N, C-alpha and C. Protein backbone atom coordinates (compact mmCIF):
# COMPACT_ATOMS: atom_id res chain seq x y z
N MET A 1 112.75 38.74 239.26
CA MET A 1 113.05 39.22 237.93
C MET A 1 114.52 39.57 237.82
N LYS A 2 114.99 40.27 238.88
CA LYS A 2 116.39 40.67 238.90
C LYS A 2 117.31 39.46 238.92
N SER A 3 116.93 38.43 239.69
CA SER A 3 117.77 37.23 239.78
C SER A 3 117.77 36.45 238.47
N SER A 4 116.67 36.41 237.78
CA SER A 4 116.65 35.71 236.48
C SER A 4 117.47 36.47 235.44
N PHE A 5 117.50 37.79 235.53
CA PHE A 5 118.32 38.58 234.62
C PHE A 5 119.81 38.32 234.86
N VAL A 6 120.19 38.24 236.13
CA VAL A 6 121.58 37.94 236.50
C VAL A 6 121.92 36.53 236.06
N PHE A 7 121.00 35.62 236.26
CA PHE A 7 121.22 34.23 235.85
C PHE A 7 121.45 34.13 234.33
N ILE A 8 120.68 34.85 233.56
CA ILE A 8 120.82 34.83 232.09
C ILE A 8 122.17 35.42 231.68
N ILE A 9 122.59 36.48 232.32
CA ILE A 9 123.88 37.09 232.00
C ILE A 9 125.02 36.14 232.34
N ILE A 10 124.95 35.48 233.49
CA ILE A 10 125.99 34.52 233.88
C ILE A 10 125.99 33.36 232.90
N PHE A 11 124.82 32.89 232.53
CA PHE A 11 124.71 31.79 231.57
C PHE A 11 125.34 32.17 230.22
N LEU A 12 125.05 33.36 229.76
CA LEU A 12 125.61 33.82 228.49
C LEU A 12 127.12 33.97 228.58
N LEU A 13 127.61 34.45 229.69
CA LEU A 13 129.06 34.58 229.87
C LEU A 13 129.74 33.21 229.85
N LEU A 14 129.14 32.23 230.48
CA LEU A 14 129.71 30.89 230.50
C LEU A 14 129.73 30.27 229.10
N ILE A 15 128.68 30.47 228.37
CA ILE A 15 128.60 29.92 227.01
C ILE A 15 129.61 30.61 226.11
N SER A 16 129.74 31.90 226.26
CA SER A 16 130.65 32.64 225.39
C SER A 16 132.11 32.36 225.68
N CYS A 17 132.42 31.80 226.81
CA CYS A 17 133.81 31.50 227.16
C CYS A 17 134.28 30.19 226.57
N GLN A 18 133.39 29.42 226.01
CA GLN A 18 133.80 28.16 225.40
C GLN A 18 134.58 28.44 224.13
N LYS A 19 135.57 27.59 223.89
CA LYS A 19 136.37 27.73 222.68
C LYS A 19 135.51 27.35 221.47
N PRO A 20 135.70 28.09 220.40
CA PRO A 20 134.92 27.74 219.21
C PRO A 20 135.40 26.42 218.62
N VAL A 21 134.51 25.68 218.11
CA VAL A 21 134.83 24.39 217.49
C VAL A 21 135.11 24.66 216.01
N PRO A 22 136.33 24.33 215.58
CA PRO A 22 136.64 24.59 214.17
C PRO A 22 135.84 23.66 213.25
N ARG A 23 135.47 24.24 212.12
CA ARG A 23 134.75 23.44 211.12
C ARG A 23 135.72 23.00 210.06
N LEU A 24 135.50 21.85 209.53
CA LEU A 24 136.31 21.38 208.43
C LEU A 24 135.90 22.11 207.16
N PRO A 25 136.89 22.47 206.33
CA PRO A 25 136.53 23.18 205.10
C PRO A 25 135.75 22.26 204.15
N ILE A 26 134.91 22.88 203.42
CA ILE A 26 134.15 22.14 202.42
C ILE A 26 134.96 22.16 201.13
N ILE A 27 135.47 21.02 200.74
CA ILE A 27 136.28 20.92 199.53
C ILE A 27 135.50 20.12 198.50
N GLN A 28 135.29 20.77 197.39
CA GLN A 28 134.61 20.08 196.31
C GLN A 28 135.56 20.03 195.12
N LYS A 29 136.19 18.93 194.95
CA LYS A 29 137.08 18.76 193.80
C LYS A 29 136.29 18.16 192.67
N SER A 30 136.50 18.76 191.54
CA SER A 30 135.86 18.25 190.36
C SER A 30 136.92 17.61 189.49
N VAL A 31 137.27 16.40 189.84
CA VAL A 31 138.31 15.69 189.11
C VAL A 31 137.92 15.54 187.65
N SER A 32 136.67 15.29 187.41
CA SER A 32 136.24 15.10 186.03
C SER A 32 136.42 16.39 185.22
N GLN A 33 136.21 17.55 185.83
CA GLN A 33 136.39 18.82 185.12
C GLN A 33 137.86 19.05 184.80
N VAL A 34 138.74 18.78 185.75
CA VAL A 34 140.18 18.93 185.53
C VAL A 34 140.64 17.96 184.45
N GLU A 35 140.21 16.72 184.56
CA GLU A 35 140.59 15.71 183.56
C GLU A 35 140.06 16.10 182.18
N ASN A 36 138.88 16.65 182.13
CA ASN A 36 138.28 17.07 180.87
C ASN A 36 139.10 18.20 180.24
N THR A 37 139.51 19.17 181.05
CA THR A 37 140.32 20.28 180.56
C THR A 37 141.66 19.78 180.02
N ILE A 38 142.29 18.87 180.74
CA ILE A 38 143.56 18.29 180.28
C ILE A 38 143.37 17.56 178.96
N ALA A 39 142.31 16.80 178.85
CA ALA A 39 142.04 16.06 177.62
C ALA A 39 141.82 17.01 176.44
N ILE A 40 141.08 18.09 176.67
CA ILE A 40 140.83 19.06 175.60
C ILE A 40 142.13 19.71 175.16
N ASN A 41 142.97 20.11 176.12
CA ASN A 41 144.25 20.74 175.79
C ASN A 41 145.19 19.78 175.06
N ASN A 42 145.21 18.52 175.48
CA ASN A 42 146.05 17.53 174.79
C ASN A 42 145.58 17.29 173.36
N LYS A 43 144.27 17.25 173.18
CA LYS A 43 143.71 17.07 171.84
C LYS A 43 144.07 18.26 170.95
N LEU A 44 143.93 19.46 171.49
CA LEU A 44 144.26 20.68 170.75
C LEU A 44 145.74 20.69 170.37
N LYS A 45 146.59 20.33 171.31
CA LYS A 45 148.03 20.29 171.05
C LYS A 45 148.36 19.29 169.94
N THR A 46 147.76 18.12 170.00
CA THR A 46 148.00 17.09 168.99
C THR A 46 147.52 17.55 167.62
N GLU A 47 146.34 18.17 167.56
CA GLU A 47 145.80 18.67 166.28
C GLU A 47 146.72 19.72 165.67
N GLN A 48 147.20 20.64 166.51
CA GLN A 48 148.06 21.69 165.99
C GLN A 48 149.43 21.16 165.59
N GLU A 49 149.94 20.17 166.30
CA GLU A 49 151.20 19.54 165.89
C GLU A 49 151.06 18.88 164.52
N LEU A 50 149.92 18.25 164.27
CA LEU A 50 149.68 17.61 162.97
C LEU A 50 149.61 18.66 161.86
N ILE A 51 148.98 19.79 162.14
CA ILE A 51 148.90 20.88 161.16
C ILE A 51 150.30 21.35 160.79
N PHE A 52 151.14 21.58 161.80
CA PHE A 52 152.49 22.06 161.54
C PHE A 52 153.36 20.98 160.89
N LYS A 53 153.10 19.73 161.21
CA LYS A 53 153.82 18.63 160.56
C LYS A 53 153.55 18.64 159.06
N GLU A 54 152.30 18.90 158.68
CA GLU A 54 151.94 18.98 157.27
C GLU A 54 152.61 20.18 156.59
N ILE A 55 152.63 21.30 157.28
CA ILE A 55 153.28 22.50 156.73
C ILE A 55 154.76 22.22 156.48
N LYS A 56 155.41 21.61 157.45
CA LYS A 56 156.84 21.31 157.31
C LYS A 56 157.08 20.28 156.21
N LYS A 57 156.16 19.33 156.07
CA LYS A 57 156.27 18.31 155.04
C LYS A 57 156.17 18.94 153.64
N LYS A 58 155.24 19.89 153.46
CA LYS A 58 155.09 20.57 152.18
C LYS A 58 156.29 21.46 151.86
N ASP A 59 156.96 21.94 152.88
CA ASP A 59 158.13 22.81 152.73
C ASP A 59 159.40 22.01 153.06
N SER A 60 159.52 20.88 152.41
CA SER A 60 160.59 19.93 152.75
C SER A 60 162.00 20.43 152.43
N LEU A 61 162.13 21.47 151.63
CA LEU A 61 163.46 22.00 151.31
C LEU A 61 164.02 22.88 152.43
N SER A 62 163.17 23.27 153.37
CA SER A 62 163.61 24.11 154.48
C SER A 62 163.91 23.28 155.71
N ASN A 63 164.85 23.77 156.50
CA ASN A 63 165.17 23.13 157.78
C ASN A 63 164.41 23.85 158.89
N TYR A 64 163.50 23.16 159.52
CA TYR A 64 162.77 23.72 160.65
C TYR A 64 163.43 23.30 161.94
N TYR A 65 163.49 24.22 162.87
CA TYR A 65 164.07 23.96 164.18
C TYR A 65 162.94 23.98 165.21
N SER A 66 163.06 23.09 166.16
CA SER A 66 162.06 23.02 167.23
C SER A 66 162.60 23.76 168.44
N SER A 67 161.78 24.62 169.01
CA SER A 67 162.20 25.32 170.23
C SER A 67 161.71 24.53 171.44
N LYS A 68 162.33 24.75 172.55
CA LYS A 68 161.90 24.07 173.77
C LYS A 68 160.59 24.66 174.30
N TYR A 69 160.11 25.72 173.67
CA TYR A 69 158.87 26.37 174.09
C TYR A 69 157.66 25.92 173.28
N GLY A 70 157.86 24.95 172.40
CA GLY A 70 156.73 24.35 171.69
C GLY A 70 156.41 24.93 170.33
N PHE A 71 157.29 25.75 169.78
CA PHE A 71 157.05 26.26 168.43
C PHE A 71 158.20 25.86 167.52
N TRP A 72 157.99 26.03 166.21
CA TRP A 72 159.01 25.70 165.21
C TRP A 72 159.35 26.95 164.43
N TYR A 73 160.55 26.95 163.84
CA TYR A 73 160.95 28.11 163.05
C TYR A 73 161.97 27.70 162.00
N LYS A 74 162.02 28.51 160.95
CA LYS A 74 163.01 28.32 159.90
C LYS A 74 163.57 29.68 159.51
N TYR A 75 164.81 29.67 159.07
CA TYR A 75 165.44 30.90 158.60
C TYR A 75 165.13 31.08 157.12
N ASP A 76 164.54 32.22 156.79
CA ASP A 76 164.32 32.57 155.40
C ASP A 76 165.53 33.34 154.88
N ILE A 77 166.04 34.24 155.72
CA ILE A 77 167.25 35.01 155.41
C ILE A 77 168.04 35.10 156.71
N LYS A 78 169.35 34.85 156.60
CA LYS A 78 170.21 35.00 157.78
C LYS A 78 170.95 36.31 157.68
N GLY A 79 170.93 37.06 158.77
CA GLY A 79 171.65 38.32 158.84
C GLY A 79 173.15 38.06 158.95
N ASN A 80 173.93 39.11 158.89
CA ASN A 80 175.38 38.94 158.92
C ASN A 80 176.00 39.47 160.21
N THR A 81 175.19 39.59 161.27
CA THR A 81 175.73 40.04 162.55
C THR A 81 175.69 38.88 163.54
N SER A 82 176.32 39.06 164.67
CA SER A 82 176.35 37.99 165.66
C SER A 82 175.62 38.34 166.96
N TYR A 83 175.23 39.60 167.10
CA TYR A 83 174.61 40.04 168.35
C TYR A 83 173.14 39.61 168.41
N ILE A 84 172.77 38.99 169.53
CA ILE A 84 171.39 38.57 169.79
C ILE A 84 170.80 39.53 170.82
N PRO A 85 169.55 39.97 170.63
CA PRO A 85 168.96 40.93 171.56
C PRO A 85 168.98 40.45 173.01
N LYS A 86 169.23 41.39 173.90
CA LYS A 86 169.25 41.11 175.33
C LYS A 86 168.21 42.00 176.03
N LYS A 87 167.94 41.68 177.28
CA LYS A 87 166.94 42.43 178.05
C LYS A 87 167.27 43.92 178.03
N GLY A 88 166.27 44.72 177.71
CA GLY A 88 166.42 46.16 177.70
C GLY A 88 166.79 46.75 176.35
N ASP A 89 167.22 45.90 175.40
CA ASP A 89 167.52 46.40 174.05
C ASP A 89 166.21 46.80 173.37
N GLU A 90 166.31 47.79 172.52
CA GLU A 90 165.16 48.19 171.71
C GLU A 90 165.36 47.54 170.34
N ILE A 91 164.33 46.84 169.87
CA ILE A 91 164.44 46.24 168.55
C ILE A 91 163.31 46.75 167.66
N LEU A 92 163.65 46.91 166.40
CA LEU A 92 162.68 47.32 165.39
C LEU A 92 162.50 46.13 164.47
N TYR A 93 161.26 45.72 164.28
CA TYR A 93 161.00 44.55 163.46
C TYR A 93 159.70 44.74 162.68
N THR A 94 159.56 43.93 161.66
CA THR A 94 158.33 43.88 160.89
C THR A 94 157.84 42.44 160.86
N TYR A 95 156.55 42.29 160.66
CA TYR A 95 156.01 40.93 160.59
C TYR A 95 154.70 40.91 159.82
N LYS A 96 154.38 39.71 159.36
CA LYS A 96 153.07 39.41 158.77
C LYS A 96 152.54 38.18 159.51
N VAL A 97 151.23 38.11 159.65
CA VAL A 97 150.60 36.99 160.34
C VAL A 97 149.70 36.24 159.36
N TYR A 98 149.87 34.91 159.34
CA TYR A 98 149.10 34.04 158.47
C TYR A 98 148.41 32.97 159.31
N ASN A 99 147.32 32.43 158.79
CA ASN A 99 146.71 31.27 159.45
C ASN A 99 147.45 30.01 158.99
N ALA A 100 147.03 28.86 159.47
CA ALA A 100 147.71 27.60 159.16
C ALA A 100 147.56 27.20 157.70
N HIS A 101 146.65 27.85 156.95
CA HIS A 101 146.49 27.58 155.52
C HIS A 101 147.25 28.61 154.68
N ASN A 102 148.13 29.34 155.35
CA ASN A 102 148.98 30.35 154.72
C ASN A 102 148.19 31.50 154.10
N GLN A 103 147.04 31.78 154.69
CA GLN A 103 146.23 32.92 154.26
C GLN A 103 146.55 34.10 155.17
N LEU A 104 146.80 35.24 154.56
CA LEU A 104 147.19 36.44 155.28
C LEU A 104 146.09 36.91 156.23
N ILE A 105 146.44 37.12 157.49
CA ILE A 105 145.51 37.68 158.47
C ILE A 105 145.82 39.15 158.69
N TYR A 106 147.10 39.44 158.97
CA TYR A 106 147.55 40.82 159.14
C TYR A 106 148.73 41.06 158.21
N GLY A 107 148.65 42.12 157.43
CA GLY A 107 149.73 42.47 156.51
C GLY A 107 150.94 43.02 157.25
N LEU A 108 151.87 43.52 156.48
CA LEU A 108 153.13 44.01 157.03
C LEU A 108 152.89 45.03 158.14
N THR A 109 153.42 44.73 159.29
CA THR A 109 153.27 45.57 160.47
C THR A 109 154.65 45.90 161.02
N LYS A 110 154.90 47.17 161.26
CA LYS A 110 156.17 47.61 161.85
C LYS A 110 155.98 47.77 163.35
N LYS A 111 156.95 47.28 164.10
CA LYS A 111 156.85 47.37 165.56
C LYS A 111 158.20 47.73 166.17
N LYS A 112 158.10 48.32 167.34
CA LYS A 112 159.25 48.60 168.19
C LYS A 112 159.00 47.83 169.48
N TYR A 113 160.03 47.19 170.00
CA TYR A 113 159.85 46.36 171.19
C TYR A 113 161.07 46.49 172.09
N TRP A 114 160.82 46.73 173.36
CA TRP A 114 161.89 46.74 174.35
C TRP A 114 161.94 45.33 174.93
N VAL A 115 163.03 44.63 174.68
CA VAL A 115 163.16 43.21 175.02
C VAL A 115 162.93 42.98 176.51
N ASP A 116 161.99 42.10 176.79
CA ASP A 116 161.61 41.69 178.15
C ASP A 116 161.13 42.84 179.04
N LYS A 117 160.77 43.95 178.44
CA LYS A 117 160.25 45.08 179.22
C LYS A 117 158.80 45.37 178.83
N GLU A 118 158.33 44.74 177.76
CA GLU A 118 156.96 44.94 177.29
C GLU A 118 156.31 43.57 177.11
N ASN A 119 154.99 43.56 177.14
CA ASN A 119 154.25 42.32 176.92
C ASN A 119 153.81 42.21 175.47
N ILE A 120 154.25 41.15 174.83
CA ILE A 120 153.76 40.76 173.51
C ILE A 120 153.49 39.26 173.61
N ILE A 121 152.96 38.67 172.56
CA ILE A 121 152.64 37.24 172.66
C ILE A 121 153.92 36.46 172.98
N GLU A 122 153.77 35.41 173.75
CA GLU A 122 154.91 34.65 174.27
C GLU A 122 155.82 34.13 173.16
N GLY A 123 155.24 33.56 172.12
CA GLY A 123 156.06 33.00 171.04
C GLY A 123 156.94 34.06 170.39
N LEU A 124 156.38 35.22 170.14
CA LEU A 124 157.13 36.30 169.52
C LEU A 124 158.18 36.86 170.48
N GLN A 125 157.84 36.95 171.74
CA GLN A 125 158.78 37.44 172.75
C GLN A 125 160.01 36.53 172.80
N ILE A 126 159.81 35.24 172.75
CA ILE A 126 160.92 34.29 172.78
C ILE A 126 161.61 34.25 171.43
N GLY A 127 160.83 34.22 170.36
CA GLY A 127 161.38 34.12 169.01
C GLY A 127 162.29 35.27 168.64
N LEU A 128 161.93 36.48 169.02
CA LEU A 128 162.76 37.64 168.70
C LEU A 128 164.14 37.55 169.34
N LYS A 129 164.22 36.87 170.49
CA LYS A 129 165.52 36.72 171.16
C LYS A 129 166.39 35.65 170.50
N LEU A 130 165.83 34.94 169.52
CA LEU A 130 166.62 33.97 168.74
C LEU A 130 167.24 34.62 167.50
N MET A 131 166.79 35.82 167.20
CA MET A 131 167.14 36.45 165.94
C MET A 131 168.32 37.42 166.08
N LYS A 132 168.99 37.61 164.96
CA LYS A 132 170.05 38.61 164.85
C LYS A 132 169.57 39.67 163.85
N GLN A 133 170.19 40.83 163.91
CA GLN A 133 169.81 41.90 162.99
C GLN A 133 169.94 41.41 161.55
N GLY A 134 168.89 41.61 160.77
CA GLY A 134 168.88 41.18 159.37
C GLY A 134 168.24 39.82 159.15
N ASP A 135 168.05 39.05 160.23
CA ASP A 135 167.40 37.74 160.09
C ASP A 135 165.94 37.91 159.71
N GLN A 136 165.51 36.99 158.85
CA GLN A 136 164.09 36.88 158.55
C GLN A 136 163.71 35.44 158.83
N ILE A 137 162.78 35.25 159.73
CA ILE A 137 162.42 33.91 160.21
C ILE A 137 160.92 33.70 160.09
N THR A 138 160.53 32.48 159.71
CA THR A 138 159.14 32.07 159.73
C THR A 138 158.93 31.23 160.98
N PHE A 139 158.01 31.66 161.82
CA PHE A 139 157.68 30.95 163.05
C PHE A 139 156.34 30.25 162.89
N LEU A 140 156.25 29.04 163.40
CA LEU A 140 154.99 28.29 163.46
C LEU A 140 154.60 28.25 164.93
N PHE A 141 153.66 29.09 165.31
CA PHE A 141 153.26 29.21 166.70
C PHE A 141 151.95 28.47 166.98
N PRO A 142 151.99 27.45 167.85
CA PRO A 142 150.73 26.87 168.30
C PRO A 142 149.98 27.92 169.13
N SER A 143 148.71 27.73 169.29
CA SER A 143 147.89 28.75 169.95
C SER A 143 148.33 29.06 171.37
N ASN A 144 148.91 28.09 172.07
CA ASN A 144 149.27 28.33 173.47
C ASN A 144 150.41 29.34 173.62
N VAL A 145 151.21 29.61 172.57
CA VAL A 145 152.25 30.64 172.65
C VAL A 145 151.90 31.83 171.75
N ALA A 146 150.68 31.81 171.22
CA ALA A 146 150.20 32.93 170.40
C ALA A 146 149.09 33.63 171.17
N TYR A 147 147.87 33.60 170.66
CA TYR A 147 146.78 34.32 171.31
C TYR A 147 145.88 33.43 172.15
N GLY A 148 146.17 32.12 172.19
CA GLY A 148 145.51 31.19 173.09
C GLY A 148 144.00 31.14 173.01
N PHE A 149 143.40 30.95 174.16
CA PHE A 149 141.95 30.73 174.23
C PHE A 149 141.13 32.00 174.13
N SER A 150 141.80 33.15 173.94
CA SER A 150 141.02 34.38 173.81
C SER A 150 141.07 34.98 172.41
N GLY A 151 142.02 34.52 171.57
CA GLY A 151 142.17 35.14 170.26
C GLY A 151 142.62 36.58 170.45
N ASP A 152 142.51 37.38 169.41
CA ASP A 152 142.90 38.80 169.55
C ASP A 152 141.67 39.71 169.55
N GLN A 153 140.50 39.12 169.67
CA GLN A 153 139.24 39.86 169.70
C GLN A 153 138.97 40.58 168.37
N ASN A 154 139.68 40.19 167.31
CA ASN A 154 139.49 40.84 166.02
C ASN A 154 139.52 39.78 164.92
N LYS A 155 140.69 39.52 164.35
CA LYS A 155 140.78 38.59 163.22
C LYS A 155 141.31 37.21 163.59
N ILE A 156 141.94 37.09 164.75
CA ILE A 156 142.52 35.81 165.16
C ILE A 156 141.54 35.11 166.07
N ALA A 157 141.20 33.89 165.68
CA ALA A 157 140.19 33.11 166.41
C ALA A 157 140.76 32.50 167.69
N VAL A 158 139.87 31.98 168.47
CA VAL A 158 140.23 31.27 169.69
C VAL A 158 141.03 30.01 169.33
N ASN A 159 142.12 29.77 170.05
CA ASN A 159 142.97 28.58 169.87
C ASN A 159 143.44 28.39 168.42
N GLN A 160 143.79 29.47 167.76
CA GLN A 160 144.21 29.41 166.37
C GLN A 160 145.74 29.35 166.27
N PRO A 161 146.28 28.30 165.63
CA PRO A 161 147.72 28.27 165.38
C PRO A 161 148.05 29.29 164.30
N LEU A 162 149.23 29.90 164.40
CA LEU A 162 149.57 30.99 163.49
C LEU A 162 150.97 30.83 162.90
N ILE A 163 151.14 31.44 161.74
CA ILE A 163 152.44 31.54 161.10
C ILE A 163 152.83 33.01 161.11
N PHE A 164 153.96 33.31 161.71
CA PHE A 164 154.50 34.68 161.74
C PHE A 164 155.74 34.72 160.86
N LYS A 165 155.79 35.65 159.94
CA LYS A 165 156.99 35.90 159.14
C LYS A 165 157.58 37.20 159.65
N VAL A 166 158.73 37.10 160.30
CA VAL A 166 159.30 38.22 161.05
C VAL A 166 160.67 38.58 160.50
N LYS A 167 160.93 39.88 160.38
CA LYS A 167 162.25 40.37 160.01
C LYS A 167 162.72 41.32 161.10
N LEU A 168 163.89 41.03 161.66
CA LEU A 168 164.47 41.91 162.67
C LEU A 168 165.32 42.93 161.93
N ASN A 169 164.86 44.17 161.90
CA ASN A 169 165.51 45.22 161.12
C ASN A 169 166.67 45.88 161.85
N LYS A 170 166.50 46.14 163.14
CA LYS A 170 167.54 46.85 163.86
C LYS A 170 167.50 46.54 165.34
N ILE A 171 168.67 46.46 165.95
CA ILE A 171 168.80 46.30 167.39
C ILE A 171 169.52 47.52 167.93
N ASN A 172 168.87 48.25 168.81
CA ASN A 172 169.51 49.36 169.51
C ASN A 172 169.89 48.83 170.90
N LYS A 173 171.18 48.62 171.09
CA LYS A 173 171.65 48.01 172.33
C LYS A 173 171.41 48.94 173.52
N ASN A 174 171.01 48.31 174.61
CA ASN A 174 170.87 49.00 175.88
C ASN A 174 172.28 49.28 176.39
N GLU A 175 172.58 50.51 176.73
CA GLU A 175 173.93 50.89 177.14
C GLU A 175 174.43 50.13 178.37
N SER A 176 173.52 49.63 179.21
CA SER A 176 173.94 48.91 180.41
C SER A 176 174.27 47.45 180.13
N ASN A 177 174.01 46.96 178.91
CA ASN A 177 174.34 45.56 178.55
C ASN A 177 175.79 45.41 178.20
């Protein structure tokens, strides 16, 4: 009995000294799911571009500018200053939000924003840095730079393109700029 116990212990020691054999990872790529997501996003982008193309066509007297971030904007009123907000500046602005049919979603809203120090929707964060004090700009934001696939959980739907009418009222410069 004693010898079989010793034999079992030696056997277990020998087995445990073997190097473990690595297993190959199990990779399950769903190419069709990725391709499907890309197709849905491309379709959404194309649909929203067509919506904004129609808006710009109806407002043919205005000059719309295209940003490299995928949104369009026009100047309704140009301010008379030359300073553009920089990181850390505090800006005071007002805005209204409309849907693509120019129906009011949110009325006049006053906001304070510390440039690049707070999180707001991407389009507005970038758009405000294009403005000078006194400027009033209409932005056409596709959903990917607005509230995207989540909406605002209130009045703005999922993947909804938006029109923002924004006025930059005041820039309080950061003393370190």
